[in-house]
Amino acid sequence: MAIFKKHSLQLSELLRLIPEEVFVEIARNTQVDYYAKVLKGKMVFNMLFYAMLTIDKLGQRGLADVFSSPQFRLLFNVETDKETLSHSSVSERLSSLNVEFFAQVYEYILAAFSRLYPARSIAGLQLQRVDSSLVAETSNKLKEGMTCGNEYKKKKMVKYTLNYDGMYGTCTAVHTEEKYANESLALPENVKEHFKRTPDHALVYVFDRGQSSGKAFSEMKSNQGLLFVGRLMENRKLDVVKNFDLTLNRLFSVLSAFVRQIATRIFC
């Protein structure tokens, strides 16, 4: 993967990787520009794209500043007499914009970039990192979300769960139901969903020690061919069903067999 870090691209080169006709077709399919006069789908995408590369903290005021920036207007050939935007206009547009537009643009980019790399390079991306994160920055604008034990329920949160193979996000989920505050539900669900999409792959899923459910591990293990590496929380509740005597030699044998199975998937 070190070879990818040596790549140097200009912003204009990145933009050319997405043809204009792709934006037009996706905008038509999703009707993202319905009733939009200034902040059309492509314009919002360009603003977000430019802002992520030039602004430390991305926000509505930052996007409004991007729109009025001479560099942005020149680079993206902005054809409108409107020179400034209020952050409330940005907020209103984001709240009503069809997010399916961005999903389809991302899928196009993912497919296009995948074709640019040789099969040998892609074959090395066999570790799927899986993790979740709770976000509350837009809690005052959320109609629904998790309270996560908040006593007065004034703050709502959204949980994002993502699979990442080292280059791309391969499976994402957005959770607002309270039950998904439990990582033992959100994370295994993402693993099984991605595995179901690509049952003939040679991937290994990796996640941190945030799991408290041995049952979830057992359910993942019941899927033939699904390999994962993770740890259960040490302070989880346990019900002892039966005791077994495990010698050191037996333990070493079991661990060796597991390591060989994982290594075969990764290196062979």
Foldseek 3Di string as FASTA:
>chain_A
DVVVVPDDDDPLVVVVLQDPVNLVVLCVVQVQCPVPDAPGPVNVVLLVVVCVVPPPDDDLVSSQVLQLDPVSCVSVVRPDPDRTDDSVVVVVSVVPGDCVSVVSVQVVVVVSVVVVDDPVVVLLLQEKEKDKDKDFPPQVVDPFAEQLPVPVSSTGIKMKIFIDSPPDTQFIDIDGDHVVVQVLPVGLVRLVVSCVVPVPALHEYEYEARAQDPVSVVVQVVRPNHHYDYHYDPPHDDDDPDDDDADPVNVVVVVVVSVVSNCVSNPD
